[in-house]
Amino acid sequence: ERTASIFLEKIFGENPNYMDLRSPCGAAIGQMAINHDGKIYTCDEGRMLGEIGDESFVIGNVSESFGQLFDNDVTKAVCLASCAECSPRCHQCVYLPYCGVCPVINYSEEGDMFKNNGYRCTINKGILDILFSYLLNNKEVTDIFKSWIKA
């Protein structure tokens, strides 16, 4: 329901400020996760990978400046990998304006942050298929959907 309401906000022209459904995603440029040891990760998903020993998404530590964190190779790679308009799977998708690519999830599922063939895409497309089928065919449900994003 939360994902559906985020999509509905985007469909109805609101900005839900949800980092995972942007292009590029908000990792390292709209959010960062600071761990207890001072390491800074691109996002909380990257920090969680760090907790299990995979530090692929470390962009620095608390002693570094924002400039250093933004100029980091990992930051640049995550921005590039999360550009949905550049993704072979996404660039012609009808849902491109509403969705986003998560390089950390791609990396954890596929072993490659640029390979976007995952489960998350299938789920998001399914949710958007359902939402648009209701929006196009049922004015009463459209009003209910609009009330969800006003709450």
N, C-alpha and C. Protein backbone atom coordinates (compact mmCIF):
# COMPACT_ATOMS: atom_id res chain seq x y z
N GLU A 1 0.81 -1.20 0.00
CA GLU A 1 0.00 0.00 0.00
C GLU A 1 0.85 1.26 0.00
N ARG A 2 1.99 1.23 0.72
CA ARG A 2 2.85 2.40 0.75
C ARG A 2 3.47 2.64 -0.62
N THR A 3 3.92 1.59 -1.28
CA THR A 3 4.48 1.75 -2.62
C THR A 3 3.42 2.27 -3.58
N ALA A 4 2.22 1.75 -3.49
CA ALA A 4 1.13 2.22 -4.35
C ALA A 4 0.86 3.70 -4.11
N SER A 5 0.86 4.13 -2.86
CA SER A 5 0.59 5.55 -2.59
C SER A 5 1.73 6.44 -3.10
N ILE A 6 2.97 5.95 -3.04
CA ILE A 6 4.09 6.71 -3.60
C ILE A 6 3.92 6.85 -5.10
N PHE A 7 3.58 5.76 -5.77
CA PHE A 7 3.33 5.82 -7.21
C PHE A 7 2.18 6.78 -7.52
N LEU A 8 1.12 6.72 -6.74
CA LEU A 8 -0.02 7.61 -6.98
C LEU A 8 0.36 9.08 -6.82
N GLU A 9 1.18 9.38 -5.84
CA GLU A 9 1.65 10.76 -5.70
C GLU A 9 2.37 11.21 -6.97
N LYS A 10 3.22 10.36 -7.50
CA LYS A 10 3.94 10.71 -8.72
C LYS A 10 2.99 10.82 -9.91
N ILE A 11 2.03 9.91 -10.01
CA ILE A 11 1.06 9.93 -11.10
C ILE A 11 0.24 11.21 -11.08
N PHE A 12 -0.15 11.66 -9.90
CA PHE A 12 -0.98 12.86 -9.76
C PHE A 12 -0.15 14.14 -9.65
N GLY A 13 1.15 14.05 -9.91
CA GLY A 13 1.98 15.24 -10.01
C GLY A 13 2.61 15.74 -8.73
N GLU A 14 2.54 14.97 -7.67
CA GLU A 14 3.18 15.36 -6.42
C GLU A 14 4.59 14.76 -6.38
N ASN A 15 5.47 15.35 -5.60
CA ASN A 15 6.81 14.81 -5.42
C ASN A 15 6.89 14.17 -4.04
N PRO A 16 6.86 12.84 -3.97
CA PRO A 16 6.90 12.19 -2.66
C PRO A 16 8.29 12.19 -2.02
N ASN A 17 9.30 12.68 -2.76
CA ASN A 17 10.68 12.75 -2.26
C ASN A 17 11.18 11.38 -1.79
N TYR A 18 10.85 10.38 -2.56
CA TYR A 18 11.24 9.00 -2.26
C TYR A 18 12.47 8.67 -3.10
N MET A 19 13.59 8.48 -2.45
CA MET A 19 14.88 8.35 -3.13
C MET A 19 14.99 7.15 -4.07
N ASP A 20 14.32 6.04 -3.76
CA ASP A 20 14.45 4.83 -4.56
C ASP A 20 13.70 4.89 -5.88
N LEU A 21 12.78 5.82 -6.02
CA LEU A 21 12.00 5.93 -7.25
C LEU A 21 12.31 7.23 -7.97
N ARG A 22 13.59 7.44 -8.21
CA ARG A 22 14.07 8.60 -8.94
C ARG A 22 15.05 8.14 -10.00
N SER A 23 15.34 9.03 -10.92
CA SER A 23 16.36 8.75 -11.92
C SER A 23 17.22 10.00 -12.09
N PRO A 24 18.47 9.96 -11.67
CA PRO A 24 19.09 8.88 -10.92
C PRO A 24 18.51 8.78 -9.52
N CYS A 25 18.73 7.64 -8.89
CA CYS A 25 18.20 7.45 -7.54
C CYS A 25 18.89 8.43 -6.58
N GLY A 26 18.44 8.50 -5.38
CA GLY A 26 18.99 9.46 -4.43
C GLY A 26 20.24 9.01 -3.72
N ALA A 27 20.73 7.81 -4.01
CA ALA A 27 21.91 7.29 -3.30
C ALA A 27 23.11 8.22 -3.49
N ALA A 28 23.66 8.65 -2.38
CA ALA A 28 24.86 9.50 -2.30
C ALA A 28 24.62 10.95 -2.70
N ILE A 29 23.55 11.24 -3.44
CA ILE A 29 23.29 12.62 -3.84
C ILE A 29 22.06 13.21 -3.14
N GLY A 30 21.20 12.35 -2.65
CA GLY A 30 20.01 12.81 -1.91
C GLY A 30 19.94 12.20 -0.52
N GLN A 31 20.76 11.22 -0.29
CA GLN A 31 20.82 10.54 1.00
C GLN A 31 22.18 9.88 1.15
N MET A 32 22.57 9.69 2.37
CA MET A 32 23.77 8.92 2.72
C MET A 32 23.47 8.22 4.02
N ALA A 33 24.16 7.15 4.29
CA ALA A 33 23.99 6.44 5.55
C ALA A 33 25.34 6.40 6.27
N ILE A 34 25.35 6.90 7.49
CA ILE A 34 26.56 6.91 8.29
C ILE A 34 26.48 5.77 9.29
N ASN A 35 27.48 4.91 9.27
CA ASN A 35 27.52 3.78 10.18
C ASN A 35 28.17 4.18 11.50
N HIS A 36 27.99 3.37 12.51
CA HIS A 36 28.54 3.65 13.84
C HIS A 36 30.05 3.77 13.85
N ASP A 37 30.72 3.16 12.85
CA ASP A 37 32.19 3.23 12.79
C ASP A 37 32.70 4.43 12.00
N GLY A 38 31.79 5.28 11.54
CA GLY A 38 32.17 6.48 10.80
C GLY A 38 32.19 6.32 9.29
N LYS A 39 32.02 5.11 8.79
CA LYS A 39 31.98 4.91 7.35
C LYS A 39 30.67 5.48 6.81
N ILE A 40 30.77 6.08 5.63
CA ILE A 40 29.59 6.64 4.97
C ILE A 40 29.31 5.82 3.72
N TYR A 41 28.05 5.42 3.60
CA TYR A 41 27.59 4.59 2.48
C TYR A 41 26.66 5.41 1.59
N THR A 42 26.47 4.95 0.37
CA THR A 42 25.59 5.63 -0.58
C THR A 42 24.17 5.75 -0.06
N CYS A 43 23.73 4.76 0.70
CA CYS A 43 22.36 4.71 1.19
C CYS A 43 22.28 3.62 2.27
N ASP A 44 21.11 3.48 2.86
CA ASP A 44 20.98 2.47 3.91
C ASP A 44 21.12 1.05 3.36
N GLU A 45 20.66 0.83 2.14
CA GLU A 45 20.81 -0.50 1.54
C GLU A 45 22.29 -0.83 1.37
N GLY A 46 23.10 0.15 0.97
CA GLY A 46 24.54 -0.04 0.86
C GLY A 46 25.17 -0.31 2.22
N ARG A 47 24.68 0.40 3.24
CA ARG A 47 25.18 0.17 4.60
C ARG A 47 24.85 -1.24 5.07
N MET A 48 23.66 -1.73 4.74
CA MET A 48 23.29 -3.09 5.14
C MET A 48 24.20 -4.13 4.49
N LEU A 49 24.60 -3.89 3.24
CA LEU A 49 25.57 -4.80 2.61
C LEU A 49 26.90 -4.74 3.35
N GLY A 50 27.29 -3.54 3.78
CA GLY A 50 28.51 -3.39 4.55
C GLY A 50 28.48 -4.19 5.85
N GLU A 51 27.30 -4.28 6.45
CA GLU A 51 27.15 -5.04 7.69
C GLU A 51 27.41 -6.53 7.50
N ILE A 52 27.25 -7.01 6.27
CA ILE A 52 27.53 -8.44 6.02
C ILE A 52 28.87 -8.62 5.32
N GLY A 53 29.70 -7.55 5.34
CA GLY A 53 31.06 -7.67 4.85
C GLY A 53 31.32 -7.18 3.44
N ASP A 54 30.31 -6.71 2.73
CA ASP A 54 30.51 -6.23 1.36
C ASP A 54 30.49 -4.70 1.39
N GLU A 55 31.64 -4.11 1.24
CA GLU A 55 31.76 -2.66 1.37
C GLU A 55 31.82 -1.96 0.02
N SER A 56 31.16 -2.52 -0.97
CA SER A 56 31.15 -1.96 -2.32
C SER A 56 30.55 -0.56 -2.39
N PHE A 57 29.71 -0.21 -1.43
CA PHE A 57 29.00 1.06 -1.49
C PHE A 57 29.46 2.06 -0.44
N VAL A 58 30.67 1.87 0.08
CA VAL A 58 31.29 2.86 0.96
C VAL A 58 31.78 4.01 0.08
N ILE A 59 31.44 5.23 0.47
CA ILE A 59 31.90 6.39 -0.30
C ILE A 59 32.89 7.25 0.49
N GLY A 60 33.13 6.88 1.73
CA GLY A 60 34.09 7.63 2.53
C GLY A 60 33.84 7.44 4.00
N ASN A 61 34.33 8.42 4.78
CA ASN A 61 34.09 8.39 6.22
C ASN A 61 33.82 9.81 6.71
N VAL A 62 33.49 9.94 7.97
CA VAL A 62 33.05 11.23 8.51
C VAL A 62 34.13 12.30 8.49
N SER A 63 35.37 11.94 8.28
CA SER A 63 36.45 12.94 8.24
C SER A 63 36.58 13.60 6.86
N GLU A 64 35.82 13.09 5.88
CA GLU A 64 35.92 13.63 4.52
C GLU A 64 34.88 14.72 4.28
N SER A 65 35.18 15.58 3.34
CA SER A 65 34.26 16.67 2.99
C SER A 65 33.16 16.14 2.06
N PHE A 66 32.08 16.92 1.95
CA PHE A 66 31.03 16.54 1.01
C PHE A 66 31.59 16.46 -0.41
N GLY A 67 32.47 17.38 -0.74
CA GLY A 67 33.08 17.35 -2.07
C GLY A 67 33.78 16.04 -2.36
N GLN A 68 34.50 15.54 -1.38
CA GLN A 68 35.19 14.26 -1.55
C GLN A 68 34.19 13.11 -1.70
N LEU A 69 33.10 13.17 -0.93
CA LEU A 69 32.08 12.12 -1.01
C LEU A 69 31.38 12.14 -2.37
N PHE A 70 31.10 13.34 -2.89
CA PHE A 70 30.43 13.45 -4.18
C PHE A 70 31.36 13.11 -5.34
N ASP A 71 32.65 13.34 -5.17
CA ASP A 71 33.63 13.09 -6.23
C ASP A 71 34.16 11.66 -6.20
N ASN A 72 33.58 10.83 -5.36
CA ASN A 72 34.01 9.44 -5.19
C ASN A 72 33.57 8.61 -6.40
N ASP A 73 34.39 7.65 -6.80
CA ASP A 73 34.06 6.79 -7.94
C ASP A 73 32.78 5.99 -7.71
N VAL A 74 32.54 5.57 -6.47
CA VAL A 74 31.31 4.82 -6.17
C VAL A 74 30.09 5.71 -6.36
N THR A 75 30.16 6.95 -5.89
CA THR A 75 29.06 7.89 -6.08
C THR A 75 28.75 8.06 -7.56
N LYS A 76 29.78 8.25 -8.35
CA LYS A 76 29.60 8.44 -9.80
C LYS A 76 28.99 7.19 -10.45
N ALA A 77 29.49 6.03 -10.06
CA ALA A 77 28.98 4.77 -10.64
C ALA A 77 27.52 4.55 -10.27
N VAL A 78 27.15 4.83 -9.02
CA VAL A 78 25.76 4.65 -8.58
C VAL A 78 24.84 5.60 -9.33
N CYS A 79 25.27 6.83 -9.52
CA CYS A 79 24.45 7.78 -10.29
C CYS A 79 24.25 7.30 -11.72
N LEU A 80 25.31 6.85 -12.33
CA LEU A 80 25.22 6.36 -13.70
C LEU A 80 24.36 5.10 -13.78
N ALA A 81 24.56 4.17 -12.85
CA ALA A 81 23.81 2.91 -12.86
C ALA A 81 22.34 3.11 -12.57
N SER A 82 21.98 4.21 -11.91
CA SER A 82 20.58 4.41 -11.56
C SER A 82 19.86 5.36 -12.51
N CYS A 83 20.49 5.70 -13.60
CA CYS A 83 19.85 6.54 -14.61
C CYS A 83 18.93 5.65 -15.45
N ALA A 84 17.65 5.66 -15.14
CA ALA A 84 16.70 4.77 -15.81
C ALA A 84 16.62 5.04 -17.32
N GLU A 85 16.81 6.29 -17.70
CA GLU A 85 16.74 6.63 -19.12
C GLU A 85 17.86 5.96 -19.92
N CYS A 86 18.91 5.54 -19.23
CA CYS A 86 20.06 4.89 -19.89
C CYS A 86 20.01 3.37 -19.78
N SER A 87 19.07 2.84 -19.03
CA SER A 87 18.98 1.41 -18.81
C SER A 87 18.29 0.72 -19.98
N PRO A 88 18.89 -0.32 -20.55
CA PRO A 88 18.24 -1.03 -21.66
C PRO A 88 16.84 -1.54 -21.29
N ARG A 89 16.65 -1.91 -20.04
CA ARG A 89 15.36 -2.44 -19.63
C ARG A 89 14.34 -1.32 -19.42
N CYS A 90 14.78 -0.15 -19.04
CA CYS A 90 13.87 0.92 -18.62
C CYS A 90 13.63 2.02 -19.65
N HIS A 91 14.56 2.27 -20.53
CA HIS A 91 14.51 3.51 -21.32
C HIS A 91 13.26 3.64 -22.19
N GLN A 92 12.62 2.55 -22.55
CA GLN A 92 11.40 2.63 -23.34
C GLN A 92 10.16 2.17 -22.56
N CYS A 93 10.31 1.98 -21.27
CA CYS A 93 9.19 1.51 -20.45
C CYS A 93 8.16 2.63 -20.28
N VAL A 94 6.92 2.26 -20.40
CA VAL A 94 5.83 3.22 -20.24
C VAL A 94 5.81 3.83 -18.83
N TYR A 95 6.36 3.12 -17.87
CA TYR A 95 6.34 3.59 -16.48
C TYR A 95 7.60 4.36 -16.08
N LEU A 96 8.46 4.66 -17.02
CA LEU A 96 9.71 5.36 -16.73
C LEU A 96 9.52 6.62 -15.87
N PRO A 97 8.51 7.46 -16.11
CA PRO A 97 8.38 8.68 -15.29
C PRO A 97 8.06 8.41 -13.82
N TYR A 98 7.62 7.22 -13.50
CA TYR A 98 7.16 6.94 -12.14
C TYR A 98 8.11 6.03 -11.36
N CYS A 99 9.05 5.43 -12.03
CA CYS A 99 9.85 4.38 -11.41
C CYS A 99 11.29 4.83 -11.21
N GLY A 100 12.13 3.91 -10.81
CA GLY A 100 13.54 4.18 -10.62
C GLY A 100 14.32 2.89 -10.51
N VAL A 101 15.62 3.02 -10.63
CA VAL A 101 16.53 1.88 -10.58
C VAL A 101 17.33 1.96 -9.29
N CYS A 102 17.47 0.85 -8.58
CA CYS A 102 18.28 0.81 -7.37
C CYS A 102 19.53 -0.03 -7.65
N PRO A 103 20.68 0.61 -7.84
CA PRO A 103 21.91 -0.14 -8.14
C PRO A 103 22.31 -1.10 -7.03
N VAL A 104 22.01 -0.77 -5.78
CA VAL A 104 22.38 -1.65 -4.67
C VAL A 104 21.57 -2.95 -4.74
N ILE A 105 20.30 -2.83 -5.03
CA ILE A 105 19.47 -4.03 -5.17
C ILE A 105 19.91 -4.83 -6.39
N ASN A 106 20.19 -4.15 -7.50
CA ASN A 106 20.68 -4.86 -8.69
C ASN A 106 21.97 -5.62 -8.36
N TYR A 107 22.86 -4.95 -7.65
CA TYR A 107 24.13 -5.58 -7.27
C TYR A 107 23.89 -6.79 -6.37
N SER A 108 23.01 -6.66 -5.40
CA SER A 108 22.79 -7.77 -4.47
C SER A 108 22.05 -8.93 -5.14
N GLU A 109 21.19 -8.64 -6.13
CA GLU A 109 20.45 -9.71 -6.82
C GLU A 109 21.22 -10.29 -7.99
N GLU A 110 21.92 -9.43 -8.73
CA GLU A 110 22.53 -9.85 -10.00
C GLU A 110 24.06 -9.88 -9.98
N GLY A 111 24.67 -9.30 -8.92
CA GLY A 111 26.13 -9.22 -8.87
C GLY A 111 26.70 -8.09 -9.69
N ASP A 112 25.83 -7.22 -10.20
CA ASP A 112 26.26 -6.12 -11.08
C ASP A 112 25.27 -4.98 -10.91
N MET A 113 25.76 -3.81 -10.49
CA MET A 113 24.83 -2.70 -10.25
C MET A 113 24.19 -2.18 -11.52
N PHE A 114 24.75 -2.50 -12.68
CA PHE A 114 24.20 -2.05 -13.95
C PHE A 114 23.19 -3.03 -14.56
N LYS A 115 23.12 -4.22 -14.03
CA LYS A 115 22.23 -5.25 -14.58
C LYS A 115 20.87 -5.13 -13.88
N ASN A 116 19.90 -4.68 -14.62
CA ASN A 116 18.58 -4.37 -14.06
C ASN A 116 17.54 -5.36 -14.58
N ASN A 117 17.56 -6.57 -14.06
CA ASN A 117 16.61 -7.59 -14.50
C ASN A 117 15.85 -8.18 -13.32
N GLY A 118 15.74 -7.45 -12.26
CA GLY A 118 15.32 -8.03 -11.01
C GLY A 118 13.84 -8.09 -10.71
N TYR A 119 13.63 -8.68 -9.59
CA TYR A 119 12.32 -8.90 -9.00
C TYR A 119 11.61 -7.58 -8.73
N ARG A 120 12.37 -6.57 -8.29
CA ARG A 120 11.80 -5.27 -7.94
C ARG A 120 11.07 -4.65 -9.14
N CYS A 121 11.66 -4.76 -10.32
CA CYS A 121 11.04 -4.24 -11.53
C CYS A 121 9.71 -4.95 -11.81
N THR A 122 9.69 -6.25 -11.67
CA THR A 122 8.47 -7.02 -11.91
C THR A 122 7.36 -6.59 -10.95
N ILE A 123 7.71 -6.41 -9.69
CA ILE A 123 6.73 -5.98 -8.69
C ILE A 123 6.22 -4.57 -9.01
N ASN A 124 7.14 -3.64 -9.29
CA ASN A 124 6.73 -2.26 -9.58
C ASN A 124 5.83 -2.19 -10.81
N LYS A 125 6.18 -2.92 -11.86
CA LYS A 125 5.34 -2.94 -13.06
C LYS A 125 3.96 -3.51 -12.74
N GLY A 126 3.91 -4.54 -11.92
CA GLY A 126 2.62 -5.12 -11.55
C GLY A 126 1.75 -4.13 -10.78
N ILE A 127 2.35 -3.43 -9.83
CA ILE A 127 1.61 -2.42 -9.07
C ILE A 127 1.10 -1.32 -9.99
N LEU A 128 1.98 -0.84 -10.87
CA LEU A 128 1.57 0.23 -11.79
C LEU A 128 0.52 -0.24 -12.79
N ASP A 129 0.61 -1.47 -13.25
CA ASP A 129 -0.43 -2.03 -14.13
C ASP A 129 -1.79 -1.97 -13.44
N ILE A 130 -1.83 -2.40 -12.21
CA ILE A 130 -3.09 -2.42 -11.45
C ILE A 130 -3.61 -1.00 -11.23
N LEU A 131 -2.72 -0.10 -10.79
CA LEU A 131 -3.15 1.29 -10.54
C LEU A 131 -3.72 1.93 -11.80
N PHE A 132 -3.01 1.80 -12.91
CA PHE A 132 -3.48 2.43 -14.13
C PHE A 132 -4.75 1.78 -14.67
N SER A 133 -4.91 0.48 -14.47
CA SER A 133 -6.15 -0.15 -14.93
C SER A 133 -7.35 0.42 -14.18
N TYR A 134 -7.18 0.68 -12.89
CA TYR A 134 -8.25 1.31 -12.12
C TYR A 134 -8.43 2.77 -12.51
N LEU A 135 -7.34 3.49 -12.67
CA LEU A 135 -7.43 4.91 -13.00
C LEU A 135 -8.10 5.15 -14.34
N LEU A 136 -7.88 4.26 -15.27
CA LEU A 136 -8.44 4.44 -16.60
C LEU A 136 -9.88 3.96 -16.71
N ASN A 137 -10.34 3.16 -15.75
CA ASN A 137 -11.64 2.52 -15.91
C ASN A 137 -12.64 2.77 -14.79
N ASN A 138 -12.25 3.49 -13.73
CA ASN A 138 -13.16 3.58 -12.59
C ASN A 138 -12.98 4.90 -11.86
N LYS A 139 -13.88 5.85 -12.13
CA LYS A 139 -13.80 7.19 -11.53
C LYS A 139 -13.91 7.12 -10.00
N GLU A 140 -14.74 6.24 -9.49
CA GLU A 140 -14.91 6.11 -8.04
C GLU A 140 -13.60 5.70 -7.37
N VAL A 141 -12.91 4.74 -7.96
CA VAL A 141 -11.63 4.29 -7.41
C VAL A 141 -10.58 5.39 -7.54
N THR A 142 -10.63 6.15 -8.63
CA THR A 142 -9.70 7.27 -8.80
C THR A 142 -9.85 8.26 -7.64
N ASP A 143 -11.07 8.56 -7.25
CA ASP A 143 -11.31 9.46 -6.12
C ASP A 143 -10.76 8.87 -4.82
N ILE A 144 -10.91 7.58 -4.65
CA ILE A 144 -10.36 6.91 -3.45
C ILE A 144 -8.83 7.01 -3.47
N PHE A 145 -8.23 6.76 -4.63
CA PHE A 145 -6.78 6.86 -4.75
C PHE A 145 -6.30 8.28 -4.41
N LYS A 146 -7.02 9.27 -4.89
CA LYS A 146 -6.64 10.65 -4.60
C LYS A 146 -6.73 10.94 -3.10
N SER A 147 -7.69 10.31 -2.43
CA SER A 147 -7.81 10.53 -0.98
C SER A 147 -6.63 9.90 -0.22
N TRP A 148 -6.04 8.84 -0.77
CA TRP A 148 -4.88 8.21 -0.13
C TRP A 148 -3.71 9.18 -0.05
N ILE A 149 -3.51 9.96 -1.09
CA ILE A 149 -2.33 10.83 -1.10
C ILE A 149 -2.58 12.15 -0.37
N LYS A 150 -3.81 12.42 -0.01
CA LYS A 150 -4.11 13.63 0.76
C LYS A 150 -4.00 13.37 2.25
N ALA A 151 -4.02 12.10 2.64
CA ALA A 151 -4.01 11.74 4.06
C ALA A 151 -2.67 11.99 4.70
